Amino acid sequence: MRCAPCAGYDAAMVGSRTRRPWIGAALGAACATACLDAEAPADPSRPEPFEWSVAPGARAAGLADRLEHEGLVRSAFWWKVYLRTVEDAGCLKAGRHRVARTMGMAELLRT
């Protein structure tokens, strides 16, 4: 299912035949911005908190697959896209954290 801005986008409109390849990048960025809700929880039906550890020196992007596997983010891809839009995305606190699947990406990054 696509959000409203993405629904009108047809991948065939932007391709190798197009004389303006930047259109694909611009539409993709607009779609990502419109579809990405950093405050939306990954799984609101599972509110129980649990302990999650971050190793010293871990990078936020490097945790993407693990976050998705644990159900803390809906998609590792969108986590990485979100990190590109946030100024302090590289700043992670190593250690053990209390997290829940009801937290959004923004809250996870602040934790």
Protein backbone atom coordinates (compact mmCIF):
# COMPACT_ATOMS: atom_id res chain seq x y z
CA MET A 1 0.00 0.00 0.00
CA ARG A 2 1.32 3.42 -0.90
CA CYS A 3 0.78 6.73 0.84
CA ALA A 4 -1.03 9.50 -1.04
CA PRO A 5 2.07 11.21 -2.52
CA CYS A 6 3.47 7.85 -3.66
CA ALA A 7 0.21 6.58 -5.16
CA GLY A 8 0.51 8.82 -8.22
CA TYR A 9 4.15 7.89 -8.80
CA ASP A 10 4.75 5.32 -11.50
CA ALA A 11 8.25 3.89 -11.68
CA ALA A 12 7.90 3.62 -15.44
CA MET A 13 7.71 7.42 -15.59
CA VAL A 14 11.35 7.62 -14.53
CA GLY A 15 13.81 5.39 -16.28
CA SER A 16 16.69 5.19 -18.66
CA ARG A 17 14.62 6.79 -21.43
CA THR A 18 14.01 9.90 -19.37
CA ARG A 19 16.16 12.89 -20.16
CA ARG A 20 15.91 14.10 -16.59
CA PRO A 21 17.27 11.34 -14.31
CA TRP A 22 17.09 13.66 -11.28
CA ILE A 23 13.30 13.34 -11.38
CA GLY A 24 13.54 9.81 -9.96
CA ALA A 25 15.70 11.01 -7.07
CA ALA A 26 13.40 13.93 -6.35
CA LEU A 27 10.27 11.78 -6.39
CA GLY A 28 11.97 9.16 -4.23
CA ALA A 29 13.00 11.80 -1.67
CA ALA A 30 9.49 13.27 -1.61
CA CYS A 31 8.02 9.80 -1.13
CA ALA A 32 10.45 9.00 1.69
CA THR A 33 9.70 12.26 3.48
CA ALA A 34 5.94 11.84 3.14
CA CYS A 35 5.84 8.13 4.03
CA LEU A 36 8.34 8.14 6.88
CA ASP A 37 6.75 8.75 10.27
CA ALA A 38 9.54 8.69 12.82
CA GLU A 39 7.09 8.79 15.74
CA ALA A 40 5.02 5.81 14.61
CA PRO A 41 5.59 2.67 16.71
CA ALA A 42 6.84 -0.49 15.05
CA ASP A 43 4.31 -2.70 16.84
CA PRO A 44 1.75 -0.97 19.10
CA SER A 45 0.18 -4.32 20.03
CA ARG A 46 3.31 -5.37 21.98
CA PRO A 47 3.84 -2.70 24.68
CA GLU A 48 6.00 -4.75 27.07
CA PRO A 49 9.42 -3.12 27.57
CA PHE A 50 12.61 -5.16 27.46
CA GLU A 51 16.34 -4.61 27.78
CA TRP A 52 18.33 -4.02 24.61
CA SER A 53 22.09 -3.56 24.53
CA VAL A 54 24.27 -1.43 22.29
CA ALA A 55 27.94 -2.34 22.06
CA PRO A 56 30.58 0.38 22.43
CA GLY A 57 31.46 1.83 19.04
CA ALA A 58 28.23 0.62 17.40
CA ARG A 59 26.87 2.81 14.63
CA ALA A 60 23.17 3.52 14.29
CA ALA A 61 23.07 2.30 10.68
CA GLY A 62 24.89 -0.87 11.69
CA LEU A 63 22.07 -1.74 14.09
CA ALA A 64 19.38 -1.58 11.39
CA ASP A 65 19.02 -5.32 10.75
CA ARG A 66 19.06 -6.13 14.46
CA LEU A 67 16.43 -3.47 15.19
CA GLU A 68 14.19 -4.91 12.48
CA HIS A 69 14.73 -8.49 13.67
CA GLU A 70 13.81 -7.52 17.26
CA GLY A 71 10.68 -5.72 16.02
CA LEU A 72 11.82 -2.28 17.16
CA VAL A 73 11.59 -0.78 13.67
CA ARG A 74 9.35 -1.85 10.81
CA SER A 75 12.11 -1.78 8.24
CA ALA A 76 15.90 -1.63 8.37
CA PHE A 77 15.79 0.33 5.12
CA TRP A 78 13.52 3.07 6.52
CA TRP A 79 15.64 3.23 9.70
CA LYS A 80 18.66 4.04 7.51
CA VAL A 81 16.64 6.59 5.52
CA TYR A 82 15.53 8.19 8.79
CA LEU A 83 19.12 8.39 10.03
CA ARG A 84 20.03 10.44 6.96
CA THR A 85 17.43 13.04 7.91
CA VAL A 86 18.54 13.43 11.54
CA GLU A 87 21.44 15.61 12.59
CA ASP A 88 22.70 13.55 15.57
CA ALA A 89 22.12 10.13 14.02
CA GLY A 90 25.67 8.96 14.68
CA CYS A 91 25.45 9.62 18.42
CA LEU A 92 24.53 6.39 20.19
CA LYS A 93 24.90 5.60 23.84
CA ALA A 94 26.56 2.26 24.46
CA GLY A 95 25.05 0.12 27.19
CA ARG A 96 21.75 -1.43 28.13
CA HIS A 97 18.53 0.41 27.40
CA ARG A 98 14.87 -0.20 28.27
CA VAL A 99 12.99 -0.18 24.98
CA ALA A 100 9.58 -1.21 23.72
CA ARG A 101 8.09 -1.94 20.34
CA THR A 102 5.68 0.93 20.95
CA MET A 103 8.53 3.42 20.58
CA GLY A 104 9.01 5.25 17.31
CA MET A 105 12.34 5.62 15.53
CA ALA A 106 12.88 9.11 16.94
CA GLU A 107 12.36 7.89 20.51
CA LEU A 108 14.67 4.91 19.95
CA LEU A 109 17.41 7.20 18.73
CA ARG A 110 16.99 9.48 21.77
CA THR A 111 17.12 6.52 24.20
